[in-house]
Amino acid sequence: MGKRSKYAVSLVLLGSLFLAACQNRNQENETDSSAASSVEQVINVQFSAEMGSADISLATDSYSFITLNNAYEGLYRLDENNVPVIAGASEEAEVSEDGLTYTISLREEAKWSNGDSVTAADYVFSWQRTVDPATASNYAYMLAPVKNAAAISDGTLDKSELGIEAVNDHELKITLEKPTPYFLSLLAFPTFFPQNERVVEEFGDQYALTSENAAYNGPFLLTNYAGPGTDIQWSLEKNPDYWDADSVKLETVNFDVVKDSSTAYNLYESGQADDIILSGELAMQNVNHPDYIVQPSATTQYLEMNQAPEDSPFRNANLRQAISYSMNRQQIVENILGNGSLPAVGFVPSDLAFNPETKADFVEDAATKLAFDEEKAQEYWEKAKAELGIDTLSFELLTSDTDQSKKMAEYIQGTLQQTLDGLTVEVTNVPFSVRLDRSNSGDFEMVMNNWIGDYADPINFLELFKKDSSYNRGKWLNDDYDQLIEQASNENANDPEARWENMVEAEKILNEDLGVIPLFQSAEAHLRSPKIKGLIVHSVGAAYDYKNVFVEE
């Protein structure tokens, strides 16, 4: 095979929200996949962090969502054009004229890996389990469009009041709070997938803690998984009982967690890995490698500051400005990352959503900027010190322990201490699962987080920082911002132009007040074996769809 385009684009983690269309290689993938039948259908993929959870109700990270997207199947999947298409549903949803009721028939031939039929009751149970406060799901908010979901999550109503019911074994009726134009795309997201009640109850608090303690209805079975946040190897094995098993050519996907880029590169070059992620110098050194590709992503990397304590220095707007002006975002993407990432100009990434009337990118309409200016940084720092009554300040920066995170932390530490006299940054690198736990519990001063879009709408990014959002971990508060998000989500939900304007204004407030400090819009540089064919690009709900992958002969 000849050299592939450097910017051939594939897909991403649920989590990862990959926005470009397939290019050269995926066009070639239209060849008959039957050619793969005579070779071993096994690929070895490397991740840079552990899977956080194999429980649909508890998963929040992209590595988990990649896996769950293949071990389970929901009513819809996303096709190569990011359009929701039926999967577990047997036909397109019947939607009422007011957009509030969805009636969906299920495939009667669909089975769980334990032999049970997949029924409408499995969806009812799964959704109710996720919104139940006792489950403590961080992704329960995704179900907010469903009638009574928010009231159930806050303990006001019982989970039985959720707007989903099993009409019969293979027919669902879903009732929404308000019309939600992107609802079918949500149904393709793992949080909306079914769970087998009998299996969940059988394993109790051990459910999904290992691959054996669950049942699966997707094209693959999760195997060799020993536990969330700790296991560094697991696999997906073809599910022989999947209703569409004949179309699944790949037999096995092996996952290994390799946090050191050099180690990953050596494994790829020796043929022990088929897909790895490169960053920093290795990414820049391998731009001309024949297997080099870049996956653009609707992912924003940002600094979140804990503003919950009354005496938090990060409540001071001038301090936040000083930190932001100290960040040379162009230098970050060119000299530290070198993987195709873009400097952030706001929190919502580019190529995610477009004006319903003019088709302009959201980023263009918001027209926000994040400048690098050392003199302004120092001016704001002097104002902050005067207002806080301090001469020096020290705080901890919490990050993951991957190569990229470590290099980013070193840069942030160095540039802040060099630019802002009297500021000391103490870096703590921890495993991904630990960073996630500490972020969720508010056990941080400053943390480097990222958000991978779950669906192609700005609200998915902006709603994170509402007062009552579980993802507003730094507890930034702004009443005007909350009101705009509320209007976009409710009274203007059926008015595309007014809703768009609400979101644009909210983005401006978030960016001007620096509720969080965006750093860059992520991309991933990969070395990916030419033998991997048929990879589908998902722009939304980032997930590798291994059902559509095979290994060429």
Protein backbone atom coordinates (compact mmCIF):
# COMPACT_ATOMS: atom_id res chain seq x y z
CA MET A 1 0.00 0.00 0.00
CA GLY A 2 1.23 3.50 -0.78
CA LYS A 3 1.82 6.19 1.79
CA ARG A 4 -1.38 7.41 3.41
CA SER A 5 -2.40 10.99 3.99
CA LYS A 6 -1.04 12.39 7.26
CA TYR A 7 -4.50 13.68 7.96
CA ALA A 8 -6.58 10.64 7.25
CA VAL A 9 -9.18 10.82 9.95
CA SER A 10 -10.74 8.08 12.00
CA LEU A 11 -12.90 8.04 15.01
CA VAL A 12 -12.76 8.47 18.68
CA LEU A 13 -13.75 7.64 22.20
CA LEU A 14 -16.89 8.37 23.63
CA GLY A 15 -15.19 10.91 24.71
CA SER A 16 -13.49 11.65 22.04
CA LEU A 17 -15.45 13.48 19.60
CA PHE A 18 -13.78 13.40 16.21
CA LEU A 19 -14.91 15.98 13.77
CA ALA A 20 -13.26 15.44 10.40
CA ALA A 21 -14.53 13.17 7.68
CA CYS A 22 -12.81 9.99 6.57
CA GLN A 23 -10.21 10.61 3.96
CA ASN A 24 -7.98 8.41 1.83
CA ARG A 25 -7.83 5.27 3.87
CA ASN A 26 -11.51 5.11 4.76
CA GLN A 27 -12.41 5.58 1.11
CA GLU A 28 -10.31 2.52 0.41
CA ASN A 29 -12.20 0.70 3.15
CA GLU A 30 -15.20 0.30 0.89
CA THR A 31 -13.55 -2.80 -0.57
CA ASP A 32 -15.17 -6.13 0.16
CA SER A 33 -14.33 -7.06 3.73
CA SER A 34 -14.53 -10.74 2.82
CA ALA A 35 -10.86 -10.46 1.82
CA ALA A 36 -10.06 -10.43 5.52
CA SER A 37 -11.47 -13.87 6.17
CA SER A 38 -8.23 -15.75 5.50
CA VAL A 39 -6.07 -13.84 8.00
CA GLU A 40 -6.09 -13.71 11.78
CA GLN A 41 -8.62 -11.05 12.70
CA VAL A 42 -6.81 -9.63 15.74
CA ILE A 43 -5.62 -6.09 16.40
CA ASN A 44 -3.66 -4.70 19.34
CA VAL A 45 -4.56 -1.20 20.49
CA GLN A 46 -2.77 0.91 23.07
CA PHE A 47 -4.40 3.41 25.39
CA SER A 48 -2.58 5.94 27.55
CA ALA A 49 -4.76 5.40 30.63
CA GLU A 50 -6.85 2.76 32.36
CA MET A 51 -10.55 2.19 31.79
CA GLY A 52 -12.45 3.96 34.56
CA SER A 53 -15.51 1.69 34.69
CA ALA A 54 -17.21 -1.10 32.75
CA ASP A 55 -20.57 -0.13 34.26
CA ILE A 56 -22.80 1.72 31.80
CA SER A 57 -24.32 3.80 34.61
CA LEU A 58 -20.96 4.81 36.06
CA ALA A 59 -18.64 5.20 33.07
CA THR A 60 -17.44 8.73 32.34
CA ASP A 61 -14.15 8.39 30.45
CA SER A 62 -13.40 7.85 26.78
CA TYR A 63 -11.52 4.57 27.31
CA SER A 64 -14.56 3.08 29.02
CA PHE A 65 -16.90 4.39 26.36
CA ILE A 66 -14.82 2.93 23.52
CA THR A 67 -15.06 -0.46 25.16
CA LEU A 68 -18.73 -0.24 26.14
CA ASN A 69 -19.73 0.97 22.68
CA ASN A 70 -18.59 -2.39 21.35
CA ALA A 71 -19.64 -4.69 24.19
CA TYR A 72 -23.16 -3.24 24.28
CA GLU A 73 -25.60 -1.93 21.72
CA GLY A 74 -28.27 0.72 22.09
CA LEU A 75 -31.26 1.66 19.98
CA TYR A 76 -29.11 3.65 17.55
CA ARG A 77 -25.50 3.90 16.38
CA LEU A 78 -23.77 6.69 14.48
CA ASP A 79 -22.77 6.09 10.87
CA GLU A 80 -19.68 7.41 9.08
CA ASN A 81 -21.46 10.73 8.48
CA ASN A 82 -22.33 11.10 12.16
CA VAL A 83 -26.00 10.37 11.49
CA PRO A 84 -27.87 8.16 13.97
CA VAL A 85 -29.00 4.90 12.35
CA ILE A 86 -30.99 2.06 13.87
CA ALA A 87 -29.08 -0.65 15.72
CA GLY A 88 -31.01 -2.34 18.54
CA ALA A 89 -34.15 -0.74 17.14
CA SER A 90 -35.87 -2.70 14.36
CA GLU A 91 -37.15 0.42 12.59
CA GLU A 92 -36.97 4.19 12.84
CA ALA A 93 -38.53 5.79 15.90
CA GLU A 94 -42.06 7.10 15.56
CA VAL A 95 -42.02 10.67 16.85
CA SER A 96 -45.15 12.59 17.85
CA GLU A 97 -45.94 15.91 16.17
CA ASP A 98 -45.02 17.86 19.30
CA GLY A 99 -41.64 16.09 19.46
CA LEU A 100 -42.27 14.83 22.98
CA THR A 101 -43.02 11.13 22.46
CA TYR A 102 -40.80 8.51 20.82
CA THR A 103 -42.17 5.03 20.15
CA ILE A 104 -39.47 2.52 19.24
CA SER A 105 -39.65 -1.15 18.30
CA LEU A 106 -36.76 -3.46 19.25
CA ARG A 107 -35.17 -6.31 17.31
CA GLU A 108 -36.80 -9.49 18.54
CA GLU A 109 -33.73 -11.55 17.61
CA ALA A 110 -31.35 -9.60 19.89
CA LYS A 111 -29.88 -11.64 22.77
CA TRP A 112 -27.80 -11.08 25.87
CA SER A 113 -24.61 -13.08 26.22
CA ASN A 114 -26.29 -15.14 28.96
CA GLY A 115 -29.03 -16.20 26.55
CA ASP A 116 -31.76 -13.79 27.70
CA SER A 117 -33.69 -11.83 25.10
CA VAL A 118 -33.01 -8.09 24.97
CA THR A 119 -36.33 -6.50 25.91
CA ALA A 120 -37.81 -3.06 26.39
CA ALA A 121 -37.66 -3.68 30.16
CA ASP A 122 -33.85 -3.74 29.92
CA TYR A 123 -33.86 -0.15 28.70
CA VAL A 124 -36.34 0.92 31.36
CA PHE A 125 -34.21 -0.68 34.07
CA SER A 126 -30.95 0.78 32.75
CA TRP A 127 -32.21 4.34 32.47
CA GLN A 128 -33.91 4.20 35.87
CA ARG A 129 -30.75 2.81 37.44
CA THR A 130 -28.67 5.65 35.98
CA VAL A 131 -30.91 8.48 37.21
CA ASP A 132 -31.44 6.86 40.63
CA PRO A 133 -29.56 9.03 43.17
CA ALA A 134 -28.43 5.84 44.90
CA THR A 135 -26.35 4.95 41.83
CA ALA A 136 -24.50 8.28 42.00
CA SER A 137 -23.98 8.41 38.24
CA ASN A 138 -22.02 11.45 37.03
CA TYR A 139 -23.62 10.97 33.64
CA ALA A 140 -27.22 10.95 34.89
CA TYR A 141 -27.52 14.49 33.55
CA MET A 142 -27.38 13.08 30.01
CA LEU A 143 -30.88 11.73 30.57
CA ALA A 144 -32.21 15.18 31.49
CA PRO A 145 -34.29 15.48 28.27
CA VAL A 146 -36.36 12.50 29.45
CA LYS A 147 -39.45 13.42 31.46
CA ASN A 148 -38.83 13.65 35.22
CA ALA A 149 -35.15 12.64 34.94
CA ALA A 150 -33.85 15.77 36.69
CA ALA A 151 -36.43 15.53 39.48
CA ILE A 152 -35.53 11.89 40.07
CA SER A 153 -31.81 12.66 40.15
CA ASP A 154 -32.30 15.34 42.80
CA GLY A 155 -34.47 13.02 44.90
CA THR A 156 -37.79 14.77 44.31
CA LEU A 157 -39.45 11.88 42.44
CA ASP A 158 -39.11 8.11 42.46
CA LYS A 159 -37.24 6.51 39.57
CA SER A 160 -40.45 4.78 38.49
CA GLU A 161 -41.69 8.20 37.32
CA LEU A 162 -39.05 8.38 34.56
CA GLY A 163 -40.53 8.98 31.12
CA ILE A 164 -39.76 5.57 29.66
CA GLU A 165 -42.06 2.55 29.63
CA ALA A 166 -42.14 -0.91 28.12
CA VAL A 167 -45.33 -1.10 26.04
CA ASN A 168 -44.57 -4.78 25.55
CA ASP A 169 -41.43 -6.93 25.40
CA HIS A 170 -40.20 -5.27 22.22
CA GLU A 171 -41.71 -1.79 22.18
CA LEU A 172 -40.59 1.29 24.09
CA LYS A 173 -42.40 4.54 24.69
CA ILE A 174 -40.21 7.47 25.69
CA THR A 175 -41.61 10.80 26.85
CA LEU A 176 -39.45 13.94 26.91
CA GLU A 177 -39.62 17.06 29.05
CA LYS A 178 -39.29 19.21 25.94
CA PRO A 179 -38.50 18.71 22.26
CA THR A 180 -34.84 17.75 21.89
CA PRO A 181 -33.60 17.96 18.29
CA TYR A 182 -30.53 15.81 18.96
CA PHE A 183 -32.33 13.07 20.93
CA LEU A 184 -31.68 10.29 18.40
CA SER A 185 -27.96 11.05 18.65
CA LEU A 186 -28.22 10.69 22.42
CA LEU A 187 -29.70 7.22 21.94
CA ALA A 188 -26.41 6.22 20.29
CA PHE A 189 -24.48 7.14 23.46
CA PRO A 190 -23.61 4.30 25.91
CA THR A 191 -25.38 5.95 28.84
CA PHE A 192 -28.61 5.16 26.97
CA PHE A 193 -27.77 1.49 26.37
CA PRO A 194 -29.72 -1.34 28.08
CA GLN A 195 -28.64 -3.38 31.11
CA ASN A 196 -29.81 -6.83 32.12
CA GLU A 197 -31.62 -6.43 35.44
CA ARG A 198 -31.26 -10.07 36.42
CA VAL A 199 -27.47 -9.90 35.98
CA VAL A 200 -27.13 -6.59 37.82
CA GLU A 201 -29.08 -7.97 40.77
CA GLU A 202 -27.16 -11.25 40.71
CA PHE A 203 -23.78 -9.57 41.13
CA GLY A 204 -24.91 -6.68 43.32
CA ASP A 205 -22.05 -4.38 44.29
CA GLN A 206 -19.67 -6.58 42.28
CA TYR A 207 -21.56 -5.91 39.05
CA ALA A 208 -19.26 -4.99 36.14
CA LEU A 209 -16.18 -4.88 38.38
CA THR A 210 -14.78 -7.65 36.18
CA SER A 211 -15.68 -8.74 32.68
CA GLU A 212 -17.29 -11.93 34.02
CA ASN A 213 -19.69 -10.00 36.26
CA ALA A 214 -21.87 -8.66 33.45
CA ALA A 215 -23.85 -9.66 30.37
CA TYR A 216 -23.37 -8.08 26.95
CA ASN A 217 -25.60 -7.51 23.91
CA GLY A 218 -23.12 -5.89 21.52
CA PRO A 219 -20.99 -7.21 18.65
CA PHE A 220 -18.21 -8.07 21.11
CA LEU A 221 -17.82 -9.52 24.60
CA LEU A 222 -15.60 -7.84 27.17
CA THR A 223 -13.00 -10.33 28.43
CA ASN A 224 -9.91 -10.40 30.67
CA TYR A 225 -10.98 -7.26 32.54
CA ALA A 226 -9.93 -7.37 36.19
CA GLY A 227 -11.13 -4.07 37.59
CA PRO A 228 -11.71 -0.33 37.05
CA GLY A 229 -8.80 2.06 37.29
CA THR A 230 -6.20 -0.64 37.84
CA ASP A 231 -6.29 -3.22 35.06
CA ILE A 232 -3.93 -2.36 32.20
CA GLN A 233 -4.99 -5.14 29.81
CA TRP A 234 -8.38 -6.27 28.57
CA SER A 235 -9.94 -7.56 25.35
CA LEU A 236 -13.01 -7.59 23.16
CA GLU A 237 -13.92 -10.97 21.65
CA LYS A 238 -16.45 -11.39 18.85
CA ASN A 239 -19.91 -12.19 20.22
CA PRO A 240 -21.20 -15.27 18.33
CA ASP A 241 -24.76 -14.60 19.53
CA TYR A 242 -24.92 -11.00 18.32
CA TRP A 243 -27.88 -10.58 15.96
CA ASP A 244 -25.64 -9.25 13.16
CA ALA A 245 -22.59 -11.44 13.88
CA ASP A 246 -22.12 -12.32 10.19
CA SER A 247 -21.15 -8.74 9.40
CA VAL A 248 -18.52 -8.61 12.18
CA LYS A 249 -15.17 -9.67 10.67
CA LEU A 250 -12.85 -8.78 13.53
CA GLU A 251 -12.39 -11.56 16.08
CA THR A 252 -10.36 -9.90 18.84
CA VAL A 253 -9.27 -6.45 19.99
CA ASN A 254 -6.57 -6.46 22.68
CA PHE A 255 -6.09 -3.31 24.74
CA ASP A 256 -2.91 -2.44 26.61
CA VAL A 257 -2.29 0.64 28.72
CA VAL A 258 1.12 2.10 27.88
CA LYS A 259 1.73 5.53 29.37
CA ASP A 260 5.25 6.06 28.03
CA SER A 261 5.28 7.21 24.41
CA SER A 262 8.73 5.79 23.69
CA THR A 263 7.67 2.37 24.90
CA ALA A 264 4.53 2.53 22.77
CA TYR A 265 6.56 3.53 19.72
CA ASN A 266 8.98 0.64 20.18
CA LEU A 267 6.10 -1.81 20.50
CA TYR A 268 4.58 -0.47 17.27
CA GLU A 269 7.84 -0.66 15.34
CA SER A 270 8.38 -4.24 16.52
CA GLY A 271 4.92 -5.27 15.35
CA GLN A 272 3.50 -5.83 18.84
CA ALA A 273 1.00 -2.97 18.54
CA ASP A 274 -1.27 -1.92 15.67
CA ASP A 275 -2.50 1.46 16.93
CA ILE A 276 -0.66 3.85 19.25
CA ILE A 277 -0.90 7.50 20.25
CA LEU A 278 2.12 9.80 19.87
CA SER A 279 2.77 13.12 21.54
CA GLY A 280 5.50 15.72 21.83
CA GLU A 281 8.83 14.99 20.18
CA LEU A 282 7.80 11.53 18.98
CA ALA A 283 4.77 12.98 17.20
CA MET A 284 6.89 15.65 15.54
CA GLN A 285 9.61 13.17 14.59
CA ASN A 286 7.15 10.81 12.91
CA VAL A 287 5.19 13.25 10.76
CA ASN A 288 6.60 11.57 7.64
CA HIS A 289 6.07 8.02 8.90
CA PRO A 290 3.90 6.17 6.34
CA ASP A 291 1.48 5.12 9.10
CA TYR A 292 1.11 8.57 10.68
CA ILE A 293 -2.39 10.03 10.90
CA VAL A 294 -3.99 12.85 12.87
CA GLN A 295 -7.41 12.58 14.45
CA PRO A 296 -8.89 16.05 15.07
CA SER A 297 -11.17 16.06 18.08
CA ALA A 298 -13.94 18.12 19.60
CA THR A 299 -12.10 18.01 22.90
CA THR A 300 -11.12 20.99 25.02
CA GLN A 301 -8.26 20.72 27.51
CA TYR A 302 -8.62 23.24 30.31
CA LEU A 303 -7.50 24.29 33.76
CA GLU A 304 -10.18 24.15 36.44
CA MET A 305 -9.67 26.02 39.70
CA ASN A 306 -11.38 25.13 42.96
CA GLN A 307 -13.47 28.15 43.89
CA ALA A 308 -15.66 26.35 46.43
CA PRO A 309 -13.84 27.47 49.62
CA GLU A 310 -14.77 30.98 50.69
CA ASP A 311 -11.09 31.83 51.01
CA SER A 312 -10.12 30.36 47.63
CA PRO A 313 -7.75 32.77 45.84
CA PHE A 314 -9.20 31.54 42.57
CA ARG A 315 -12.40 33.46 43.27
CA ASN A 316 -10.34 36.49 42.33
CA ALA A 317 -10.99 37.32 38.67
CA ASN A 318 -7.67 39.12 38.28
CA LEU A 319 -5.78 36.00 39.35
CA ARG A 320 -7.61 33.95 36.74
CA GLN A 321 -6.78 36.58 34.13
CA ALA A 322 -3.11 36.57 35.14
CA ILE A 323 -2.93 32.81 34.73
CA SER A 324 -4.67 32.84 31.36
CA TYR A 325 -2.52 35.62 29.90
CA SER A 326 0.57 33.66 30.96
CA MET A 327 -0.38 30.73 28.69
CA ASN A 328 1.27 30.75 25.26
CA ARG A 329 -1.22 28.41 23.61
CA GLN A 330 0.49 28.50 20.22
CA GLN A 331 3.72 27.37 21.82
CA ILE A 332 1.86 24.60 23.63
CA VAL A 333 0.43 23.05 20.47
CA GLU A 334 3.56 23.54 18.37
CA ASN A 335 6.41 22.77 20.76
CA ILE A 336 4.91 20.58 23.48
CA LEU A 337 2.15 18.60 21.80
CA GLY A 338 3.12 18.59 18.13
CA ASN A 339 0.14 16.36 17.32
CA GLY A 340 -2.21 18.58 15.34
CA SER A 341 -3.95 20.14 18.36
CA LEU A 342 -5.18 23.74 18.02
CA PRO A 343 -4.88 26.69 20.42
CA ALA A 344 -8.17 27.20 22.26
CA VAL A 345 -10.01 30.44 21.51
CA GLY A 346 -12.88 29.57 23.86
CA PHE A 347 -14.35 26.59 25.61
CA VAL A 348 -16.55 25.27 22.79
CA PRO A 349 -14.31 23.77 20.07
CA SER A 350 -14.45 24.57 16.38
CA ASP A 351 -16.21 22.37 13.82
CA LEU A 352 -18.70 21.19 16.43
CA ALA A 353 -21.85 23.13 15.58
CA PHE A 354 -23.01 25.72 13.09
CA ASN A 355 -25.44 28.64 13.11
CA PRO A 356 -28.88 27.32 12.06
CA GLU A 357 -29.42 30.30 9.79
CA THR A 358 -26.00 31.45 8.50
CA LYS A 359 -24.12 28.13 8.93
CA ALA A 360 -21.24 30.00 10.59
CA ASP A 361 -19.12 28.02 13.04
CA PHE A 362 -20.08 28.59 16.68
CA VAL A 363 -16.52 29.78 17.31
CA GLU A 364 -16.94 32.50 14.67
CA ASP A 365 -20.20 33.77 16.14
CA ALA A 366 -18.85 33.79 19.69
CA ALA A 367 -15.70 35.60 18.49
CA THR A 368 -13.90 34.92 21.76
CA LYS A 369 -10.13 35.11 22.17
CA LEU A 370 -7.53 33.87 24.62
CA ALA A 371 -4.41 35.97 24.24
CA PHE A 372 -0.86 35.44 25.44
CA ASP A 373 0.55 38.64 26.92
CA GLU A 374 3.18 38.54 29.67
CA GLU A 375 2.85 42.24 30.51
CA LYS A 376 -0.91 41.96 30.98
CA ALA A 377 -0.40 38.78 33.00
CA GLN A 378 1.91 40.66 35.35
CA GLU A 379 -0.49 43.62 35.60
CA TYR A 380 -3.37 41.34 36.58
CA TRP A 381 -1.09 39.49 39.01
CA GLU A 382 -0.22 42.73 40.80
CA LYS A 383 -3.94 43.59 41.04
CA ALA A 384 -4.72 40.12 42.34
CA LYS A 385 -2.02 40.28 45.02
CA ALA A 386 -3.28 43.67 46.18
CA GLU A 387 -6.90 42.50 46.36
CA LEU A 388 -5.96 39.24 48.10
CA GLY A 389 -3.54 40.94 50.45
CA ILE A 390 -0.66 38.60 49.58
CA ASP A 391 2.88 38.79 48.22
CA THR A 392 3.22 35.11 47.35
CA LEU A 393 0.91 32.26 46.45
CA SER A 394 1.45 28.51 46.24
CA PHE A 395 -0.96 25.90 44.93
CA GLU A 396 -1.03 22.32 43.67
CA LEU A 397 -1.62 21.49 39.99
CA LEU A 398 -3.20 18.03 39.68
CA THR A 399 -2.74 16.12 36.41
CA SER A 400 -2.75 12.59 35.04
CA ASP A 401 0.49 10.64 34.83
CA THR A 402 0.67 10.24 31.04
CA ASP A 403 3.64 11.61 29.10
CA GLN A 404 1.57 14.40 27.58
CA SER A 405 0.06 15.44 30.91
CA LYS A 406 3.47 15.51 32.57
CA LYS A 407 4.93 17.70 29.84
CA MET A 408 1.95 20.04 29.96
CA ALA A 409 2.26 20.31 33.74
CA GLU A 410 5.96 21.13 33.45
CA TYR A 411 5.16 23.89 30.98
CA ILE A 412 2.38 25.37 33.12
CA GLN A 413 4.54 25.24 36.22
CA GLY A 414 7.50 26.84 34.47
CA THR A 415 5.66 29.59 32.66
CA LEU A 416 3.58 30.65 35.69
CA GLN A 417 6.55 30.73 38.03
CA GLN A 418 8.63 32.63 35.50
CA THR A 419 5.93 35.15 34.56
CA LEU A 420 4.26 35.75 37.92
CA ASP A 421 6.86 36.63 40.55
CA GLY A 422 6.04 35.05 43.90
CA LEU A 423 3.83 32.28 42.49
CA THR A 424 4.78 28.65 43.18
CA VAL A 425 3.13 25.68 41.45
CA GLU A 426 3.52 22.21 42.93
CA VAL A 427 2.76 19.49 40.35
CA THR A 428 1.14 16.20 41.31
CA ASN A 429 0.88 13.51 38.60
CA VAL A 430 -1.51 10.66 39.41
CA PRO A 431 -3.17 7.80 37.49
CA PHE A 432 -6.16 8.86 35.42
CA SER A 433 -8.67 7.21 37.75
CA VAL A 434 -7.19 9.01 40.76
CA ARG A 435 -7.34 12.37 38.99
CA LEU A 436 -10.96 11.67 38.11
CA ASP A 437 -11.84 10.70 41.68
CA ARG A 438 -10.10 13.72 43.16
CA SER A 439 -11.74 16.03 40.63
CA ASN A 440 -15.20 14.64 41.34
CA SER A 441 -14.75 14.93 45.09
CA GLY A 442 -13.38 18.49 44.92
CA ASP A 443 -10.01 17.38 46.29
CA PHE A 444 -7.88 19.76 44.23
CA GLU A 445 -6.72 23.35 43.99
CA MET A 446 -6.09 23.45 40.25
CA VAL A 447 -6.63 20.43 37.99
CA MET A 448 -5.99 19.89 34.29
CA ASN A 449 -9.20 18.43 32.88
CA ASN A 450 -10.61 17.85 29.44
CA TRP A 451 -14.06 17.48 27.97
CA ILE A 452 -14.76 15.29 24.96
CA GLY A 453 -18.06 16.21 23.37
CA ASP A 454 -20.79 13.62 23.70
CA TYR A 455 -22.94 15.03 20.89
CA ALA A 456 -22.62 17.82 18.36
CA ASP A 457 -24.21 20.71 20.20
CA PRO A 458 -22.59 23.57 22.16
CA ILE A 459 -24.90 22.94 25.11
CA ASN A 460 -22.99 19.72 25.83
CA PHE A 461 -19.95 21.86 26.67
CA LEU A 462 -21.66 24.88 28.17
CA GLU A 463 -24.01 23.07 30.55
CA LEU A 464 -20.98 21.68 32.40
CA PHE A 465 -20.60 24.93 34.32
CA LYS A 466 -24.13 25.52 35.49
CA LYS A 467 -24.38 26.01 39.24
CA ASP A 468 -25.94 22.57 39.75
CA SER A 469 -23.79 20.60 37.29
CA SER A 470 -21.79 17.71 38.74
CA TYR A 471 -19.07 18.64 36.25
CA ASN A 472 -18.73 22.16 37.63
CA ARG A 473 -16.09 20.74 39.94
CA GLY A 474 -14.48 24.11 40.59
CA LYS A 475 -17.83 25.65 41.60
CA TRP A 476 -17.57 28.74 39.42
CA LEU A 477 -20.85 30.62 39.79
CA ASN A 478 -22.47 33.16 37.49
CA ASP A 479 -26.21 33.86 37.58
CA ASP A 480 -26.32 35.42 34.10
CA TYR A 481 -24.62 32.36 32.68
CA ASP A 482 -27.06 30.00 34.40
CA GLN A 483 -30.01 31.98 33.07
CA LEU A 484 -28.75 31.77 29.49
CA ILE A 485 -28.22 28.01 29.72
CA GLU A 486 -31.68 27.63 31.23
CA GLN A 487 -33.24 29.61 28.38
CA ALA A 488 -31.36 27.61 25.74
CA SER A 489 -32.47 24.36 27.34
CA ASN A 490 -36.09 25.25 28.02
CA GLU A 491 -38.01 28.27 26.79
CA ASN A 492 -35.97 28.57 23.57
CA ALA A 493 -35.48 24.85 23.00
CA ASN A 494 -37.79 25.00 19.96
CA ASP A 495 -36.45 28.30 18.65
CA PRO A 496 -33.10 27.46 16.98
CA GLU A 497 -31.99 31.05 16.43
CA ALA A 498 -32.84 32.30 19.92
CA ARG A 499 -31.30 29.18 21.44
CA TRP A 500 -28.13 29.73 19.42
CA GLU A 501 -27.85 33.30 20.65
CA ASN A 502 -28.29 32.15 24.25
CA MET A 503 -25.37 29.76 23.85
CA VAL A 504 -23.16 32.34 22.12
CA GLU A 505 -23.73 34.81 24.96
CA ALA A 506 -23.05 32.11 27.54
CA GLU A 507 -19.76 31.24 25.87
CA LYS A 508 -18.75 34.89 25.98
CA ILE A 509 -19.46 35.11 29.72
CA LEU A 510 -17.55 31.91 30.47
CA ASN A 511 -14.60 33.07 28.40
CA GLU A 512 -14.50 36.66 29.67
CA ASP A 513 -14.84 35.70 33.32
CA LEU A 514 -12.60 32.63 32.87
CA GLY A 515 -14.76 30.28 34.91
CA VAL A 516 -12.24 27.77 33.59
CA ILE A 517 -9.12 28.46 31.52
CA PRO A 518 -9.18 26.70 28.12
CA LEU A 519 -5.77 25.67 26.79
CA PHE A 520 -6.14 23.80 23.52
CA GLN A 521 -8.48 21.85 21.28
CA SER A 522 -7.09 18.34 21.26
CA ALA A 523 -6.08 16.15 18.39
CA GLU A 524 -4.32 12.80 18.49
CA ALA A 525 -1.35 11.76 16.40
CA HIS A 526 -1.42 8.03 15.75
CA LEU A 527 0.64 5.37 14.14
CA ARG A 528 -1.93 2.93 12.84
CA SER A 529 -1.18 -0.23 10.91
CA PRO A 530 -2.29 -0.21 7.27
CA LYS A 531 -3.83 -3.64 7.85
CA ILE A 532 -6.66 -2.08 9.88
CA LYS A 533 -9.54 -1.42 7.52
CA GLY A 534 -13.09 -0.22 7.76
CA LEU A 535 -12.77 2.12 10.72
CA ILE A 536 -15.80 4.38 10.96
CA VAL A 537 -15.48 8.02 11.93
CA HIS A 538 -17.82 9.23 14.64
CA SER A 539 -17.91 12.97 15.03
CA VAL A 540 -20.14 12.68 18.06
CA GLY A 541 -20.18 10.34 20.97
CA ALA A 542 -16.61 9.46 20.26
CA ALA A 543 -16.37 5.71 19.94
CA TYR A 544 -14.43 3.24 17.87
CA ASP A 545 -16.98 1.03 16.15
CA TYR A 546 -15.03 -2.22 15.87
CA LYS A 547 -18.04 -3.89 14.31
CA ASN A 548 -16.98 -2.14 11.13
CA VAL A 549 -13.28 -2.97 11.36
CA PHE A 550 -11.42 -5.88 9.78
CA VAL A 551 -7.81 -6.76 9.08
CA GLU A 552 -6.84 -6.81 5.43
CA GLU A 553 -5.10 -9.81 3.93
